[in-house]
C-alpha cells in the first residue's frame, strides 16, 4: 500500500532551494513537512485554510524583500485533502 509519501517528500526539495521561500499551510501532513525541511528553503507558515493570514504573510515577505533588495522565488504549499483533519 502506497500513500505517496516518498513522492511528497522528494518533490518539494526538487523544485525549491535554499534561496527560495516556502509559505506553508500549518495543517499540512508529516510527509509535506518533511519535504519542506529537506528543501532547506526559508519557511513561513500561515494558519490552516486562512486566506487572510496567507495574504498577511505574503505582504510581510514582500516588505522584507523591499527592505533588503533581495528577490526570492516563493512557493505556496498546501494540500488538496488534509489527512490531518479527516
PDB file of N, CA and C in Angstrom:
ATOM      1  N   UNK A   1       0.845  -1.191   0.000  1.00  0.00           N
ATOM      2  CA  UNK A   1       0.000   0.000   0.000  1.00  0.00           C
ATOM      3  C   UNK A   1       0.880   1.240   0.000  1.00  0.00           C
ATOM      4  N   UNK A   2       0.637   2.099  -0.931  1.00  0.00           N
ATOM      5  CA  UNK A   2       1.435   3.309  -1.054  1.00  0.00           C
ATOM      6  C   UNK A   2       0.578   4.542  -0.786  1.00  0.00           C
ATOM      7  N   UNK A   3       1.086   5.411   0.039  1.00  0.00           N
ATOM      8  CA  UNK A   3       0.360   6.658   0.298  1.00  0.00           C
ATOM      9  C   UNK A   3       1.047   7.855  -0.362  1.00  0.00           C
ATOM     10  N   UNK A   4       2.016   7.580  -1.207  1.00  0.00           N
ATOM     11  CA  UNK A   4       2.743   8.600  -1.975  1.00  0.00           C
ATOM     12  C   UNK A   4       3.608   9.501  -1.110  1.00  0.00           C
ATOM     13  N   UNK A   5       3.902   9.102   0.108  1.00  0.00           N
ATOM     14  CA  UNK A   5       4.703   9.968   0.975  1.00  0.00           C
ATOM     15  C   UNK A   5       6.116  10.176   0.435  1.00  0.00           C
ATOM     16  N   UNK A   6       6.674   9.177  -0.224  1.00  0.00           N
ATOM     17  CA  UNK A   6       8.014   9.340  -0.804  1.00  0.00           C
ATOM     18  C   UNK A   6       8.011  10.410  -1.893  1.00  0.00           C
ATOM     19  N   UNK A   7       6.971  10.412  -2.690  1.00  0.00           N
ATOM     20  CA  UNK A   7       6.851  11.421  -3.744  1.00  0.00           C
ATOM     21  C   UNK A   7       6.725  12.807  -3.132  1.00  0.00           C
ATOM     22  N   UNK A   8       5.861  12.930  -2.147  1.00  0.00           N
ATOM     23  CA  UNK A   8       5.654  14.227  -1.498  1.00  0.00           C
ATOM     24  C   UNK A   8       6.950  14.729  -0.874  1.00  0.00           C
ATOM     25  N   UNK A   9       7.671  13.835  -0.207  1.00  0.00           N
ATOM     26  CA  UNK A   9       8.919  14.223   0.452  1.00  0.00           C
ATOM     27  C   UNK A   9       9.988  14.667  -0.537  1.00  0.00           C
ATOM     28  N   UNK A  10       9.940  14.165  -1.765  1.00  0.00           N
ATOM     29  CA  UNK A  10      11.003  14.474  -2.718  1.00  0.00           C
ATOM     30  C   UNK A  10      10.655  15.606  -3.687  1.00  0.00           C
ATOM     31  N   UNK A  11       9.391  15.847  -3.954  1.00  0.00           N
ATOM     32  CA  UNK A  11       9.017  16.871  -4.931  1.00  0.00           C
ATOM     33  C   UNK A  11       9.341  18.272  -4.435  1.00  0.00           C
ATOM     34  N   UNK A  12       9.029  18.567  -3.194  1.00  0.00           N
ATOM     35  CA  UNK A  12       9.271  19.917  -2.673  1.00  0.00           C
ATOM     36  C   UNK A  12      10.756  20.277  -2.720  1.00  0.00           C
ATOM     37  N   UNK A  13      11.663  19.418  -2.227  1.00  0.00           N
ATOM     38  CA  UNK A  13      13.089  19.765  -2.337  1.00  0.00           C
ATOM     39  C   UNK A  13      13.602  19.787  -3.779  1.00  0.00           C
ATOM     40  N   UNK A  14      12.966  19.028  -4.664  1.00  0.00           N
ATOM     41  CA  UNK A  14      13.406  19.016  -6.061  1.00  0.00           C
ATOM     42  C   UNK A  14      13.118  20.349  -6.763  1.00  0.00           C
ATOM     43  N   UNK A  15      12.049  21.015  -6.381  1.00  0.00           N
ATOM     44  CA  UNK A  15      11.669  22.257  -7.037  1.00  0.00           C
ATOM     45  C   UNK A  15      12.148  23.514  -6.309  1.00  0.00           C
ATOM     46  N   UNK A  16      12.585  23.385  -5.090  1.00  0.00           N
ATOM     47  CA  UNK A  16      12.995  24.566  -4.332  1.00  0.00           C
ATOM     48  C   UNK A  16      14.440  24.414  -3.862  1.00  0.00           C
ATOM     49  N   UNK A  17      15.023  25.543  -3.467  1.00  0.00           N
ATOM     50  CA  UNK A  17      16.395  25.510  -2.946  1.00  0.00           C
ATOM     51  C   UNK A  17      16.534  26.475  -1.783  1.00  0.00           C
ATOM     52  N   UNK A  18      17.738  26.600  -1.259  1.00  0.00           N
ATOM     53  CA  UNK A  18      17.936  27.381  -0.040  1.00  0.00           C
ATOM     54  C   UNK A  18      17.676  28.876  -0.210  1.00  0.00           C
ATOM     55  N   UNK A  19      17.602  29.363  -1.436  1.00  0.00           N
ATOM     56  CA  UNK A  19      17.329  30.779  -1.665  1.00  0.00           C
ATOM     57  C   UNK A  19      15.847  31.076  -1.858  1.00  0.00           C
ATOM     58  N   UNK A  20      15.016  30.061  -1.817  1.00  0.00           N
ATOM     59  CA  UNK A  20      13.581  30.224  -2.028  1.00  0.00           C
ATOM     60  C   UNK A  20      12.851  30.401  -0.704  1.00  0.00           C
ATOM     61  N   UNK A  21      11.589  30.789  -0.810  1.00  0.00           N
ATOM     62  CA  UNK A  21      10.724  30.928   0.362  1.00  0.00           C
ATOM     63  C   UNK A  21       9.520  30.017   0.167  1.00  0.00           C
ATOM     64  N   UNK A  22       9.268  29.171   1.135  1.00  0.00           N
ATOM     65  CA  UNK A  22       8.085  28.319   1.137  1.00  0.00           C
ATOM     66  C   UNK A  22       7.093  28.894   2.131  1.00  0.00           C
ATOM     67  N   UNK A  23       5.882  29.130   1.681  1.00  0.00           N
ATOM     68  CA  UNK A  23       4.805  29.619   2.539  1.00  0.00           C
ATOM     69  C   UNK A  23       3.851  28.434   2.686  1.00  0.00           C
ATOM     70  N   UNK A  24       3.807  27.868   3.889  1.00  0.00           N
ATOM     71  CA  UNK A  24       3.207  26.552   4.102  1.00  0.00           C
ATOM     72  C   UNK A  24       1.980  26.640   5.011  1.00  0.00           C
ATOM     73  N   UNK A  25       0.909  25.969   4.598  1.00  0.00           N
ATOM     74  CA  UNK A  25      -0.274  25.835   5.451  1.00  0.00           C
ATOM     75  C   UNK A  25       0.126  24.994   6.666  1.00  0.00           C
ATOM     76  N   UNK A  26      -0.137  25.497   7.863  1.00  0.00           N
ATOM     77  CA  UNK A  26       0.273  24.776   9.074  1.00  0.00           C
ATOM     78  C   UNK A  26      -0.476  23.467   9.273  1.00  0.00           C
ATOM     79  N   UNK A  27      -1.487  23.199   8.456  1.00  0.00           N
ATOM     80  CA  UNK A  27      -2.242  21.960   8.552  1.00  0.00           C
ATOM     81  C   UNK A  27      -1.695  20.835   7.687  1.00  0.00           C
ATOM     82  N   UNK A  28      -0.605  21.075   6.988  1.00  0.00           N
ATOM     83  CA  UNK A  28      -0.041  20.044   6.116  1.00  0.00           C
ATOM     84  C   UNK A  28       0.443  18.848   6.923  1.00  0.00           C
ATOM     85  N   UNK A  29       0.411  17.668   6.284  1.00  0.00           N
ATOM     86  CA  UNK A  29       0.778  16.436   6.991  1.00  0.00           C
ATOM     87  C   UNK A  29       2.297  16.260   7.103  1.00  0.00           C
ATOM     88  N   UNK A  30       2.707  15.230   7.800  1.00  0.00           N
ATOM     89  CA  UNK A  30       4.121  14.995   8.107  1.00  0.00           C
ATOM     90  C   UNK A  30       4.977  14.816   6.859  1.00  0.00           C
ATOM     91  N   UNK A  31       4.448  14.183   5.822  1.00  0.00           N
ATOM     92  CA  UNK A  31       5.226  13.995   4.591  1.00  0.00           C
ATOM     93  C   UNK A  31       5.559  15.329   3.937  1.00  0.00           C
ATOM     94  N   UNK A  32       4.586  16.213   3.891  1.00  0.00           N
ATOM     95  CA  UNK A  32       4.814  17.540   3.327  1.00  0.00           C
ATOM     96  C   UNK A  32       5.835  18.291   4.172  1.00  0.00           C
ATOM     97  N   UNK A  33       5.689  18.234   5.473  1.00  0.00           N
ATOM     98  CA  UNK A  33       6.612  18.950   6.367  1.00  0.00           C
ATOM     99  C   UNK A  33       8.026  18.405   6.262  1.00  0.00           C
ATOM    100  N   UNK A  34       8.161  17.098   6.040  1.00  0.00           N
ATOM    101  CA  UNK A  34       9.489  16.518   5.822  1.00  0.00           C
ATOM    102  C   UNK A  34      10.095  17.068   4.538  1.00  0.00           C
ATOM    103  N   UNK A  35       9.308  17.126   3.469  1.00  0.00           N
ATOM    104  CA  UNK A  35       9.783  17.708   2.217  1.00  0.00           C
ATOM    105  C   UNK A  35      10.190  19.153   2.376  1.00  0.00           C
ATOM    106  N   UNK A  36       9.433  19.899   3.166  1.00  0.00           N
ATOM    107  CA  UNK A  36       9.750  21.301   3.439  1.00  0.00           C
ATOM    108  C   UNK A  36      11.109  21.399   4.140  1.00  0.00           C
ATOM    109  N   UNK A  37      11.332  20.553   5.136  1.00  0.00           N
ATOM    110  CA  UNK A  37      12.612  20.572   5.858  1.00  0.00           C
ATOM    111  C   UNK A  37      13.772  20.187   4.957  1.00  0.00           C
ATOM    112  N   UNK A  38      13.566  19.188   4.112  1.00  0.00           N
ATOM    113  CA  UNK A  38      14.623  18.742   3.213  1.00  0.00           C
ATOM    114  C   UNK A  38      14.993  19.786   2.164  1.00  0.00           C
ATOM    115  N   UNK A  39      14.098  20.687   1.873  1.00  0.00           N
ATOM    116  CA  UNK A  39      14.344  21.696   0.838  1.00  0.00           C
ATOM    117  C   UNK A  39      15.404  22.713   1.257  1.00  0.00           C
ATOM    118  N   UNK A  40      15.581  22.922   2.534  1.00  0.00           N
ATOM    119  CA  UNK A  40      16.491  23.928   3.092  1.00  0.00           C
ATOM    120  C   UNK A  40      16.107  25.361   2.741  1.00  0.00           C
ATOM    121  N   UNK A  41      14.895  25.543   2.228  1.00  0.00           N
ATOM    122  CA  UNK A  41      14.399  26.880   1.898  1.00  0.00           C
ATOM    123  C   UNK A  41      13.986  27.608   3.176  1.00  0.00           C
ATOM    124  N   UNK A  42      13.817  28.900   3.061  1.00  0.00           N
ATOM    125  CA  UNK A  42      13.259  29.672   4.173  1.00  0.00           C
ATOM    126  C   UNK A  42      11.773  29.350   4.239  1.00  0.00           C
ATOM    127  N   UNK A  43      11.266  29.106   5.439  1.00  0.00           N
ATOM    128  CA  UNK A  43       9.882  28.646   5.593  1.00  0.00           C
ATOM    129  C   UNK A  43       9.098  29.601   6.474  1.00  0.00           C
ATOM    130  N   UNK A  44       7.896  29.920   6.024  1.00  0.00           N
ATOM    131  CA  UNK A  44       6.951  30.701   6.808  1.00  0.00           C
ATOM    132  C   UNK A  44       5.622  29.961   6.770  1.00  0.00           C
ATOM    133  N   UNK A  45       4.977  29.854   7.906  1.00  0.00           N
ATOM    134  CA  UNK A  45       3.705  29.147   7.998  1.00  0.00           C
ATOM    135  C   UNK A  45       2.547  30.140   8.089  1.00  0.00           C
ATOM    136  N   UNK A  46       1.411  29.734   7.561  1.00  0.00           N
ATOM    137  CA  UNK A  46       0.186  30.513   7.739  1.00  0.00           C
ATOM    138  C   UNK A  46      -0.882  29.606   8.334  1.00  0.00           C
ATOM    139  N   UNK A  47      -1.885  30.211   8.949  1.00  0.00           N
ATOM    140  CA  UNK A  47      -2.943  29.453   9.617  1.00  0.00           C
ATOM    141  C   UNK A  47      -3.703  28.588   8.614  1.00  0.00           C
ATOM    142  N   UNK A  48      -4.093  27.418   9.057  1.00  0.00           N
ATOM    143  CA  UNK A  48      -4.760  26.441   8.201  1.00  0.00           C
ATOM    144  C   UNK A  48      -5.996  27.007   7.509  1.00  0.00           C
ATOM    145  N   UNK A  49      -5.981  26.926   6.183  1.00  0.00           N
ATOM    146  CA  UNK A  49      -7.098  27.352   5.333  1.00  0.00           C
ATOM    147  C   UNK A  49      -7.525  28.803   5.557  1.00  0.00           C
ATOM    148  N   UNK A  50      -6.608  29.654   5.974  1.00  0.00           N
ATOM    149  CA  UNK A  50      -6.937  31.048   6.280  1.00  0.00           C
ATOM    150  C   UNK A  50      -6.307  31.963   5.224  1.00  0.00           C
ATOM    151  N   UNK A  51      -7.100  32.350   4.232  1.00  0.00           N
ATOM    152  CA  UNK A  51      -6.611  33.174   3.135  1.00  0.00           C
ATOM    153  C   UNK A  51      -6.139  34.547   3.619  1.00  0.00           C
ATOM    154  N   UNK A  52      -6.826  35.100   4.592  1.00  0.00           N
ATOM    155  CA  UNK A  52      -6.423  36.405   5.131  1.00  0.00           C
ATOM    156  C   UNK A  52      -5.037  36.316   5.770  1.00  0.00           C
ATOM    157  N   UNK A  53      -4.772  35.224   6.503  1.00  0.00           N
ATOM    158  CA  UNK A  53      -3.456  35.064   7.110  1.00  0.00           C
ATOM    159  C   UNK A  53      -2.398  34.832   6.036  1.00  0.00           C
ATOM    160  N   UNK A  54      -2.730  34.086   5.003  1.00  0.00           N
ATOM    161  CA  UNK A  54      -1.793  33.893   3.892  1.00  0.00           C
ATOM    162  C   UNK A  54      -1.460  35.239   3.256  1.00  0.00           C
ATOM    163  N   UNK A  55      -2.463  36.057   3.040  1.00  0.00           N
ATOM    164  CA  UNK A  55      -2.240  37.389   2.478  1.00  0.00           C
ATOM    165  C   UNK A  55      -1.334  38.227   3.387  1.00  0.00           C
ATOM    166  N   UNK A  56      -1.568  38.156   4.683  1.00  0.00           N
ATOM    167  CA  UNK A  56      -0.743  38.895   5.644  1.00  0.00           C
ATOM    168  C   UNK A  56       0.718  38.444   5.559  1.00  0.00           C
ATOM    169  N   UNK A  57       0.932  37.123   5.508  1.00  0.00           N
ATOM    170  CA  UNK A  57       2.286  36.569   5.433  1.00  0.00           C
ATOM    171  C   UNK A  57       2.976  37.007   4.144  1.00  0.00           C
ATOM    172  N   UNK A  58       2.262  36.945   3.024  1.00  0.00           N
ATOM    173  CA  UNK A  58       2.855  37.341   1.746  1.00  0.00           C
ATOM    174  C   UNK A  58       3.208  38.826   1.718  1.00  0.00           C
ATOM    175  N   UNK A  59       2.371  39.654   2.319  1.00  0.00           N
ATOM    176  CA  UNK A  59       2.678  41.090   2.394  1.00  0.00           C
ATOM    177  C   UNK A  59       3.916  41.344   3.243  1.00  0.00           C
ATOM    178  N   UNK A  60       4.037  40.614   4.349  1.00  0.00           N
ATOM    179  CA  UNK A  60       5.213  40.754   5.214  1.00  0.00           C
ATOM    180  C   UNK A  60       6.486  40.354   4.468  1.00  0.00           C
ATOM    181  N   UNK A  61       6.417  39.271   3.717  1.00  0.00           N
ATOM    182  CA  UNK A  61       7.571  38.825   2.931  1.00  0.00           C
ATOM    183  C   UNK A  61       7.936  39.877   1.886  1.00  0.00           C
ATOM    184  N   UNK A  62       6.919  40.444   1.238  1.00  0.00           N
ATOM    185  CA  UNK A  62       7.158  41.478   0.237  1.00  0.00           C
ATOM    186  C   UNK A  62       7.843  42.692   0.856  1.00  0.00           C
ATOM    187  N   UNK A  63       7.412  43.082   2.054  1.00  0.00           N
ATOM    188  CA  UNK A  63       8.046  44.212   2.750  1.00  0.00           C
ATOM    189  C   UNK A  63       9.491  43.904   3.099  1.00  0.00           C
ATOM    190  N   UNK A  64       9.750  42.673   3.559  1.00  0.00           N
ATOM    191  CA  UNK A  64      11.120  42.272   3.883  1.00  0.00           C
ATOM    192  C   UNK A  64      12.010  42.313   2.646  1.00  0.00           C
ATOM    193  N   UNK A  65      11.489  41.838   1.526  1.00  0.00           N
ATOM    194  CA  UNK A  65      12.262  41.856   0.284  1.00  0.00           C
ATOM    195  C   UNK A  65      12.571  43.280  -0.154  1.00  0.00           C
ATOM    196  N   UNK A  66      11.593  44.177  -0.021  1.00  0.00           N
ATOM    197  CA  UNK A  66      11.797  45.566  -0.418  1.00  0.00           C
ATOM    198  C   UNK A  66      12.878  46.223   0.437  1.00  0.00           C
ATOM    199  N   UNK A  67      12.913  45.881   1.715  1.00  0.00           N
ATOM    200  CA  UNK A  67      13.890  46.466   2.623  1.00  0.00           C
ATOM    201  C   UNK A  67      15.308  45.961   2.354  1.00  0.00           C
ATOM    202  N   UNK A  68      15.423  44.743   1.858  1.00  0.00           N
ATOM    203  CA  UNK A  68      16.746  44.152   1.640  1.00  0.00           C
ATOM    204  C   UNK A  68      17.162  44.111   0.174  1.00  0.00           C
ATOM    205  N   UNK A  69      16.270  44.492  -0.722  1.00  0.00           N
ATOM    206  CA  UNK A  69      16.512  44.424  -2.171  1.00  0.00           C
ATOM    207  C   UNK A  69      16.851  43.012  -2.641  1.00  0.00           C
ATOM    208  N   UNK A  70      16.399  42.020  -1.892  1.00  0.00           N
ATOM    209  CA  UNK A  70      16.645  40.630  -2.258  1.00  0.00           C
ATOM    210  C   UNK A  70      15.368  40.011  -2.807  1.00  0.00           C
ATOM    211  N   UNK A  71      15.461  39.422  -3.968  1.00  0.00           N
ATOM    212  CA  UNK A  71      14.313  38.752  -4.571  1.00  0.00           C
ATOM    213  C   UNK A  71      14.443  37.249  -4.356  1.00  0.00           C
ATOM    214  N   UNK A  72      13.346  36.591  -4.020  1.00  0.00           N
ATOM    215  CA  UNK A  72      13.341  35.143  -3.876  1.00  0.00           C
ATOM    216  C   UNK A  72      12.094  34.576  -4.539  1.00  0.00           C
ATOM    217  N   UNK A  73      12.256  33.366  -5.042  1.00  0.00           N
ATOM    218  CA  UNK A  73      11.076  32.685  -5.555  1.00  0.00           C
ATOM    219  C   UNK A  73      10.235  32.282  -4.359  1.00  0.00           C
ATOM    220  N   UNK A  74       8.914  32.307  -4.535  1.00  0.00           N
ATOM    221  CA  UNK A  74       8.006  31.921  -3.459  1.00  0.00           C
ATOM    222  C   UNK A  74       7.126  30.782  -3.925  1.00  0.00           C
ATOM    223  N   UNK A  75       6.961  29.805  -3.039  1.00  0.00           N
ATOM    224  CA  UNK A  75       6.064  28.690  -3.292  1.00  0.00           C
ATOM    225  C   UNK A  75       5.036  28.644  -2.170  1.00  0.00           C
ATOM    226  N   UNK A  76       3.779  28.553  -2.528  1.00  0.00           N
ATOM    227  CA  UNK A  76       2.727  28.366  -1.528  1.00  0.00           C
ATOM    228  C   UNK A  76       2.436  26.875  -1.491  1.00  0.00           C
ATOM    229  N   UNK A  77       2.613  26.269  -0.310  1.00  0.00           N
ATOM    230  CA  UNK A  77       2.484  24.821  -0.157  1.00  0.00           C
ATOM    231  C   UNK A  77       1.197  24.511   0.603  1.00  0.00           C
ATOM    232  N   UNK A  78       0.288  23.832  -0.079  1.00  0.00           N
ATOM    233  CA  UNK A  78      -0.976  23.406   0.511  1.00  0.00           C
ATOM    234  C   UNK A  78      -1.258  21.976   0.076  1.00  0.00           C
ATOM    235  N   UNK A  79      -2.264  21.378   0.659  1.00  0.00           N
ATOM    236  CA  UNK A  79      -2.708  20.050   0.263  1.00  0.00           C
ATOM    237  C   UNK A  79      -4.097  20.151  -0.370  1.00  0.00           C
ATOM    238  N   UNK A  80      -4.423  19.172  -1.203  1.00  0.00           N
ATOM    239  CA  UNK A  80      -5.756  19.109  -1.786  1.00  0.00           C
ATOM    240  C   UNK A  80      -6.784  18.592  -0.774  1.00  0.00           C
ATOM    241  N   UNK A  81      -6.375  17.573  -0.047  1.00  0.00           N
ATOM    242  CA  UNK A  81      -7.212  16.989   1.017  1.00  0.00           C
ATOM    243  C   UNK A  81      -6.326  16.860   2.241  1.00  0.00           C
ATOM    244  N   UNK A  82      -6.709  17.469   3.319  1.00  0.00           N
ATOM    245  CA  UNK A  82      -5.893  17.467   4.531  1.00  0.00           C
ATOM    246  C   UNK A  82      -6.176  16.214   5.357  1.00  0.00           C
ATOM    247  N   UNK A  83      -5.260  15.268   5.284  1.00  0.00           N
ATOM    248  CA  UNK A  83      -5.453  13.990   6.004  1.00  0.00           C
ATOM    249  C   UNK A  83      -5.413  14.184   7.513  1.00  0.00           C
ATOM    250  N   UNK A  84      -4.779  15.254   7.980  1.00  0.00           N
ATOM    251  CA  UNK A  84      -4.727  15.515   9.417  1.00  0.00           C
ATOM    252  C   UNK A  84      -6.093  15.904   9.982  1.00  0.00           C
ATOM    253  N   UNK A  85      -6.985  16.332   9.096  1.00  0.00           N
ATOM    254  CA  UNK A  85      -8.277  16.832   9.562  1.00  0.00           C
ATOM    255  C   UNK A  85      -9.452  15.955   9.140  1.00  0.00           C
ATOM    256  N   UNK A  86      -9.155  14.792   8.560  1.00  0.00           N
ATOM    257  CA  UNK A  86     -10.203  13.829   8.221  1.00  0.00           C
ATOM    258  C   UNK A  86     -10.985  14.110   7.014  1.00  0.00           C
TER     259      UNK A  86
END
